[in-house]
Protein backbone atom coordinates (compact mmCIF):
# COMPACT_ATOMS: atom_id res chain seq x y z
CA UNK A 1 5.18 -6.33 6.47
CA UNK A 2 1.90 -7.00 5.66
CA UNK A 3 -1.24 -9.05 6.45
CA UNK A 4 -0.62 -11.94 8.67
CA UNK A 5 -3.35 -14.06 10.55
CA UNK A 6 -2.91 -17.14 12.44
CA UNK A 7 -4.55 -20.37 10.86
CA UNK A 8 -4.52 -24.25 12.14
CA UNK A 9 -3.73 -26.70 9.73
CA UNK A 10 -6.33 -29.30 9.46
CA UNK A 11 -5.64 -33.12 9.67
CA UNK A 12 -5.56 -33.40 6.05
CA UNK A 13 -2.72 -30.90 6.06
CA UNK A 14 -5.03 -27.90 4.93
CA UNK A 15 -4.95 -24.32 5.93
CA UNK A 16 -7.72 -21.62 5.04
CA UNK A 17 -6.37 -18.49 3.56
CA UNK A 18 -8.39 -15.60 5.25
CA UNK A 19 -11.11 -13.81 3.04
CA UNK A 20 -9.35 -10.74 3.56
CA UNK A 21 -6.23 -12.08 1.92
CA UNK A 22 -8.05 -14.05 -0.71
CA UNK A 23 -10.22 -10.23 -1.28
CA UNK A 24 -6.40 -8.38 -1.72
CA UNK A 25 -4.99 -10.88 -3.83
CA UNK A 26 -8.61 -11.42 -5.83
CA UNK A 27 -8.51 -15.09 -5.40
CA UNK A 28 -11.64 -16.75 -6.36
CA UNK A 29 -12.81 -20.12 -5.11
CA UNK A 30 -11.70 -22.68 -7.05
CA UNK A 31 -8.37 -20.76 -8.59
CA UNK A 32 -5.11 -22.42 -8.27
CA UNK A 33 -2.66 -20.96 -6.17
CA UNK A 34 1.43 -21.45 -5.86
CA UNK A 35 2.75 -22.88 -2.48
CA UNK A 36 6.43 -22.72 -2.10
CA UNK A 37 8.83 -23.44 0.47
CA UNK A 38 11.62 -20.34 0.37
CA UNK A 39 13.91 -20.98 3.35
CA UNK A 40 12.26 -21.73 6.31
CA UNK A 41 8.70 -20.32 5.30
CA UNK A 42 6.09 -21.40 3.37
CA UNK A 43 5.03 -18.98 0.52
CA UNK A 44 1.41 -19.02 -0.90
CA UNK A 45 0.97 -16.83 -3.94
CA UNK A 46 -1.68 -15.94 -6.39
CA UNK A 47 -0.97 -18.01 -9.71
CA UNK A 48 -3.24 -16.33 -12.07
CA UNK A 49 -3.41 -17.93 -15.70
CA UNK A 50 -2.56 -15.94 -18.40
CA UNK A 51 -5.83 -16.26 -19.83
CA UNK A 52 -7.12 -14.85 -16.76
CA UNK A 53 -4.23 -11.71 -16.56
CA UNK A 54 -5.33 -10.75 -20.14
CA UNK A 55 -9.00 -10.89 -19.31
CA UNK A 56 -8.03 -8.38 -16.15
CA UNK A 57 -6.29 -6.29 -18.21
CA UNK A 58 -8.20 -5.95 -21.17
CA UNK A 59 -9.38 -2.55 -21.79
CA UNK A 60 -6.73 -0.78 -19.60
CA UNK A 61 -5.05 0.81 -21.75
CA UNK A 62 -6.97 3.44 -23.93
CA UNK A 63 -5.66 6.37 -25.99
CA UNK A 64 -6.23 8.18 -22.91
CA UNK A 65 -4.34 6.34 -20.69
CA UNK A 66 -1.47 5.22 -23.07
CA UNK A 67 1.68 7.23 -22.01
CA UNK A 68 3.19 8.61 -25.17
CA UNK A 69 6.88 8.60 -23.51
CA UNK A 70 6.42 5.00 -22.54
CA UNK A 71 8.92 2.49 -23.49
CA UNK A 72 8.45 0.76 -26.85
CA UNK A 73 8.18 -2.97 -26.60
CA UNK A 74 8.81 -5.44 -29.15
CA UNK A 75 5.73 -7.73 -29.42
CA UNK A 76 7.68 -10.82 -30.52
CA UNK A 77 10.11 -10.15 -27.00
CA UNK A 78 6.91 -9.68 -24.78
CA UNK A 79 5.72 -13.01 -26.30
CA UNK A 80 9.03 -14.91 -25.93
CA UNK A 81 9.33 -13.50 -22.46
CA UNK A 82 5.70 -14.72 -21.38
CA UNK A 83 5.85 -17.93 -23.30
CA UNK A 84 9.41 -19.05 -21.72
CA UNK A 85 8.12 -21.66 -19.56
CA UNK A 86 5.85 -23.18 -21.72
CA UNK A 87 6.44 -26.75 -23.18
CA UNK A 88 7.47 -26.90 -27.07
């Protein structure tokens, strides 16, 4: 299924995310994570901000790496999809 390590919940309800998992998800100190209750499981996932995502992706697509046969995406459709959860 993936990486799994046992952790103890401290008196304040805190759990430390193992370093190996933080490294794999690129979670740096001070970053926010999303904590969800899914059925009977606690799910902790990386919650990358849009700014951080853009920063990480900057320079990834170049003339050499761009696939000529890739589907074209309307920038307005992409904007709508990425901002649909933001307040007006």
